[in-house]
N, C-alpha and C. Protein backbone atom coordinates (compact mmCIF):
# COMPACT_ATOMS: atom_id res chain seq x y z
N MET A 1 18.97 17.98 22.90
CA MET A 1 18.82 16.77 22.12
C MET A 1 17.48 16.11 22.44
N VAL A 2 16.85 15.54 21.40
CA VAL A 2 15.64 14.76 21.58
C VAL A 2 15.82 13.39 20.92
N THR A 3 15.06 12.42 21.39
CA THR A 3 15.10 11.09 20.82
C THR A 3 13.72 10.76 20.27
N PHE A 4 13.69 10.39 18.99
CA PHE A 4 12.47 9.94 18.35
C PHE A 4 12.39 8.44 18.54
N ILE A 5 11.27 7.97 19.07
CA ILE A 5 11.05 6.54 19.25
C ILE A 5 9.75 6.17 18.56
N ASN A 6 9.81 5.11 17.76
CA ASN A 6 8.65 4.68 17.00
C ASN A 6 8.52 3.17 17.10
N LYS A 7 7.39 2.71 17.60
CA LYS A 7 7.09 1.28 17.61
C LYS A 7 6.31 0.99 16.34
N LEU A 8 6.81 0.06 15.55
CA LEU A 8 6.17 -0.30 14.28
C LEU A 8 5.76 -1.76 14.33
N THR A 9 4.48 -2.02 14.14
CA THR A 9 3.97 -3.37 14.10
C THR A 9 3.58 -3.67 12.66
N VAL A 10 4.33 -4.55 12.04
CA VAL A 10 4.13 -4.85 10.62
C VAL A 10 2.98 -5.84 10.46
N ASN A 11 2.02 -5.45 9.63
CA ASN A 11 0.89 -6.33 9.35
C ASN A 11 0.83 -6.68 7.86
N GLY A 12 1.88 -6.30 7.14
CA GLY A 12 2.00 -6.59 5.72
C GLY A 12 3.32 -7.30 5.45
N ASP A 13 3.81 -7.17 4.24
CA ASP A 13 5.04 -7.82 3.82
C ASP A 13 6.25 -7.19 4.52
N ILE A 14 6.97 -7.98 5.29
CA ILE A 14 8.10 -7.47 6.07
C ILE A 14 9.23 -6.99 5.17
N GLU A 15 9.50 -7.69 4.08
CA GLU A 15 10.58 -7.27 3.17
C GLU A 15 10.27 -5.92 2.54
N GLU A 16 9.04 -5.69 2.15
CA GLU A 16 8.64 -4.39 1.59
C GLU A 16 8.75 -3.30 2.66
N PHE A 17 8.33 -3.63 3.87
CA PHE A 17 8.46 -2.70 4.99
C PHE A 17 9.92 -2.30 5.19
N LEU A 18 10.83 -3.28 5.19
CA LEU A 18 12.24 -2.99 5.40
C LEU A 18 12.82 -2.13 4.28
N LYS A 19 12.37 -2.31 3.06
CA LYS A 19 12.83 -1.47 1.95
C LYS A 19 12.41 -0.02 2.16
N ILE A 20 11.16 0.19 2.54
CA ILE A 20 10.68 1.55 2.78
C ILE A 20 11.41 2.17 3.96
N LYS A 21 11.60 1.39 5.02
CA LYS A 21 12.29 1.90 6.19
C LYS A 21 13.72 2.28 5.87
N GLN A 22 14.40 1.49 5.06
CA GLN A 22 15.77 1.81 4.65
C GLN A 22 15.81 3.12 3.86
N SER A 23 14.85 3.32 2.98
CA SER A 23 14.77 4.55 2.20
C SER A 23 14.57 5.76 3.13
N LEU A 24 13.72 5.59 4.13
CA LEU A 24 13.48 6.67 5.09
C LEU A 24 14.74 6.97 5.91
N THR A 25 15.44 5.93 6.33
CA THR A 25 16.66 6.12 7.11
C THR A 25 17.72 6.84 6.29
N GLU A 26 17.86 6.47 5.02
CA GLU A 26 18.82 7.15 4.15
C GLU A 26 18.49 8.64 4.04
N PHE A 27 17.22 8.95 3.86
CA PHE A 27 16.81 10.35 3.75
C PHE A 27 17.05 11.10 5.07
N MET A 28 16.58 10.54 6.16
CA MET A 28 16.67 11.22 7.45
C MET A 28 18.12 11.45 7.87
N SER A 29 18.99 10.49 7.59
CA SER A 29 20.39 10.62 8.02
C SER A 29 21.12 11.77 7.32
N ALA A 30 20.56 12.28 6.24
CA ALA A 30 21.17 13.40 5.53
C ALA A 30 20.56 14.75 5.93
N GLN A 31 19.61 14.75 6.87
CA GLN A 31 18.91 15.98 7.25
C GLN A 31 19.64 16.75 8.35
N PRO A 32 19.54 18.09 8.31
CA PRO A 32 20.15 18.89 9.38
C PRO A 32 19.56 18.53 10.74
N GLY A 33 20.43 18.39 11.71
CA GLY A 33 19.99 18.09 13.07
C GLY A 33 19.97 16.61 13.40
N TYR A 34 20.09 15.74 12.40
CA TYR A 34 20.11 14.29 12.63
C TYR A 34 21.44 13.91 13.25
N ARG A 35 21.41 13.04 14.25
CA ARG A 35 22.64 12.57 14.90
C ARG A 35 22.91 11.10 14.64
N SER A 36 21.94 10.24 14.92
CA SER A 36 22.14 8.80 14.76
C SER A 36 20.80 8.09 14.87
N SER A 37 20.80 6.82 14.47
CA SER A 37 19.58 6.02 14.63
C SER A 37 19.91 4.54 14.71
N SER A 38 18.97 3.79 15.23
CA SER A 38 19.08 2.33 15.25
C SER A 38 17.68 1.74 15.25
N THR A 39 17.61 0.51 14.80
CA THR A 39 16.34 -0.20 14.75
C THR A 39 16.50 -1.53 15.48
N LEU A 40 15.54 -1.83 16.32
CA LEU A 40 15.53 -3.10 17.06
C LEU A 40 14.34 -3.93 16.60
N ARG A 41 14.52 -5.25 16.61
CA ARG A 41 13.43 -6.16 16.25
C ARG A 41 13.14 -7.04 17.46
N HIS A 42 11.87 -7.14 17.81
CA HIS A 42 11.44 -7.94 18.96
C HIS A 42 11.83 -9.40 18.73
N VAL A 43 12.46 -10.01 19.72
CA VAL A 43 12.93 -11.39 19.59
C VAL A 43 11.76 -12.37 19.47
N GLY A 44 10.75 -12.22 20.27
CA GLY A 44 9.64 -13.17 20.27
C GLY A 44 8.51 -12.82 19.31
N ARG A 45 8.51 -11.60 18.81
CA ARG A 45 7.46 -11.14 17.89
C ARG A 45 8.16 -10.47 16.71
N ARG A 46 8.56 -11.25 15.73
CA ARG A 46 9.42 -10.82 14.63
C ARG A 46 8.80 -9.73 13.75
N HIS A 47 7.55 -9.42 13.94
CA HIS A 47 6.88 -8.37 13.15
C HIS A 47 6.81 -7.04 13.90
N VAL A 48 7.46 -6.96 15.07
CA VAL A 48 7.45 -5.74 15.87
C VAL A 48 8.86 -5.15 15.92
N PHE A 49 8.95 -3.85 15.58
CA PHE A 49 10.22 -3.14 15.52
C PHE A 49 10.16 -1.88 16.38
N ILE A 50 11.30 -1.49 16.90
CA ILE A 50 11.45 -0.20 17.59
C ILE A 50 12.53 0.57 16.83
N GLU A 51 12.18 1.77 16.42
CA GLU A 51 13.12 2.65 15.74
C GLU A 51 13.45 3.78 16.71
N MET A 52 14.76 4.09 16.84
CA MET A 52 15.19 5.18 17.70
C MET A 52 16.13 6.07 16.91
N ALA A 53 15.93 7.38 17.00
CA ALA A 53 16.81 8.32 16.30
C ALA A 53 17.05 9.53 17.20
N GLU A 54 18.29 9.96 17.26
CA GLU A 54 18.63 11.15 18.04
C GLU A 54 18.73 12.34 17.10
N TRP A 55 18.15 13.45 17.56
CA TRP A 55 18.13 14.71 16.81
C TRP A 55 18.62 15.83 17.71
N ASP A 56 19.17 16.87 17.10
CA ASP A 56 19.60 18.03 17.87
C ASP A 56 18.44 18.65 18.64
N ASP A 57 17.28 18.72 17.97
CA ASP A 57 16.11 19.35 18.59
C ASP A 57 14.84 18.90 17.86
N ALA A 58 13.72 19.16 18.48
CA ALA A 58 12.42 18.77 17.92
C ALA A 58 12.14 19.48 16.60
N ALA A 59 12.57 20.73 16.47
CA ALA A 59 12.32 21.49 15.24
C ALA A 59 13.00 20.85 14.04
N SER A 60 14.21 20.32 14.21
CA SER A 60 14.91 19.65 13.11
C SER A 60 14.16 18.41 12.66
N HIS A 61 13.69 17.62 13.61
CA HIS A 61 12.93 16.42 13.27
C HIS A 61 11.62 16.80 12.56
N LYS A 62 10.95 17.78 13.09
CA LYS A 62 9.68 18.24 12.52
C LYS A 62 9.87 18.71 11.08
N ALA A 63 10.92 19.46 10.81
CA ALA A 63 11.18 19.94 9.45
C ALA A 63 11.43 18.77 8.50
N ALA A 64 12.15 17.77 8.97
CA ALA A 64 12.45 16.61 8.12
C ALA A 64 11.18 15.84 7.76
N VAL A 65 10.31 15.58 8.74
CA VAL A 65 9.11 14.78 8.45
C VAL A 65 8.06 15.56 7.67
N ARG A 66 8.13 16.87 7.68
CA ARG A 66 7.19 17.67 6.91
C ARG A 66 7.63 17.89 5.46
N SER A 67 8.85 17.52 5.14
CA SER A 67 9.36 17.74 3.79
C SER A 67 8.61 16.88 2.77
N GLU A 68 8.55 17.37 1.56
CA GLU A 68 7.88 16.64 0.47
C GLU A 68 8.55 15.31 0.19
N GLU A 69 9.87 15.28 0.25
CA GLU A 69 10.58 14.03 -0.04
C GLU A 69 10.28 12.97 1.01
N PHE A 70 10.25 13.35 2.28
CA PHE A 70 9.90 12.39 3.33
C PHE A 70 8.48 11.87 3.10
N GLN A 71 7.56 12.76 2.83
CA GLN A 71 6.17 12.36 2.60
C GLN A 71 6.04 11.39 1.44
N ALA A 72 6.82 11.60 0.38
CA ALA A 72 6.80 10.69 -0.76
C ALA A 72 7.36 9.32 -0.40
N ARG A 73 8.43 9.30 0.39
CA ARG A 73 9.06 8.03 0.77
C ARG A 73 8.23 7.24 1.77
N VAL A 74 7.50 7.91 2.65
CA VAL A 74 6.76 7.24 3.72
C VAL A 74 5.39 6.75 3.24
N LYS A 75 5.00 7.16 2.06
CA LYS A 75 3.65 6.92 1.54
C LYS A 75 3.15 5.48 1.71
N GLY A 76 3.92 4.48 1.36
CA GLY A 76 3.47 3.10 1.41
C GLY A 76 3.53 2.44 2.77
N LEU A 77 4.11 3.12 3.74
CA LEU A 77 4.31 2.50 5.05
C LEU A 77 3.01 2.22 5.79
N GLY A 78 2.03 3.10 5.67
CA GLY A 78 0.77 2.95 6.39
C GLY A 78 0.02 1.68 6.06
N ALA A 79 0.17 1.19 4.83
CA ALA A 79 -0.49 -0.04 4.43
C ALA A 79 0.22 -1.28 4.96
N LEU A 80 1.46 -1.12 5.40
CA LEU A 80 2.26 -2.26 5.85
C LEU A 80 2.40 -2.37 7.36
N ALA A 81 2.26 -1.25 8.07
CA ALA A 81 2.54 -1.28 9.51
C ALA A 81 1.74 -0.21 10.24
N SER A 82 1.43 -0.51 11.50
CA SER A 82 0.87 0.51 12.38
C SER A 82 2.04 1.12 13.13
N VAL A 83 1.95 2.43 13.40
CA VAL A 83 3.07 3.13 14.01
C VAL A 83 2.62 3.84 15.29
N GLU A 84 3.54 3.92 16.24
CA GLU A 84 3.32 4.63 17.50
C GLU A 84 4.52 5.53 17.75
N PRO A 85 4.60 6.70 17.06
CA PRO A 85 5.77 7.56 17.17
C PRO A 85 5.69 8.56 18.31
N GLY A 86 6.85 9.06 18.73
CA GLY A 86 6.90 10.11 19.73
C GLY A 86 8.30 10.65 19.90
N LEU A 87 8.40 11.92 20.29
CA LEU A 87 9.68 12.55 20.60
C LEU A 87 9.84 12.59 22.11
N TYR A 88 11.03 12.26 22.58
CA TYR A 88 11.30 12.20 24.01
C TYR A 88 12.54 13.02 24.32
N GLU A 89 12.57 13.58 25.54
CA GLU A 89 13.77 14.28 26.00
C GLU A 89 14.23 13.63 27.28
N GLU A 90 15.52 13.74 27.54
CA GLU A 90 16.11 13.12 28.71
C GLU A 90 15.63 13.84 29.98
N VAL A 91 15.43 13.05 31.02
CA VAL A 91 15.03 13.58 32.32
C VAL A 91 16.08 13.16 33.33
N ALA A 92 16.45 14.07 34.20
CA ALA A 92 17.41 13.75 35.25
C ALA A 92 16.79 12.74 36.21
N GLU A 93 17.60 12.06 36.95
CA GLU A 93 17.10 11.05 37.88
C GLU A 93 16.16 11.62 38.93
N ASP A 94 16.29 12.91 39.20
CA ASP A 94 15.39 13.54 40.17
C ASP A 94 14.07 13.99 39.53
N GLY A 95 13.94 13.70 38.22
CA GLY A 95 12.72 14.04 37.51
C GLY A 95 12.74 15.38 36.81
N ALA A 96 13.83 16.15 36.97
CA ALA A 96 13.92 17.46 36.34
C ALA A 96 14.32 17.34 34.88
N ASP A 97 13.79 18.22 34.04
CA ASP A 97 14.18 18.25 32.64
C ASP A 97 15.65 18.64 32.53
N ARG A 98 16.35 18.03 31.59
CA ARG A 98 17.76 18.39 31.34
C ARG A 98 17.87 19.37 30.18
N GLY A 99 16.83 19.48 29.34
CA GLY A 99 16.93 20.34 28.16
C GLY A 99 16.42 21.64 28.44
């Protein structure tokens, strides 16, 4: 399992951002390998969001974001927000990889 984490700092219209993000979530949740997701909003900085999604593996996430439909849905996001995405895997407390 891998976790996708994305920090999104909105510098445009927040309502338009949320519409695009909802469209992306609807698409991603129907993709093979998708497990779950949640979005957090910074309490003191209302324009900063953290998106987290669990996937079976990195290949499943990669296939979803490379699809034509994802690319069409994500198109307007760049004008509204800066993004800091990354895939993460769990590490044991001793520092060893679990995957």
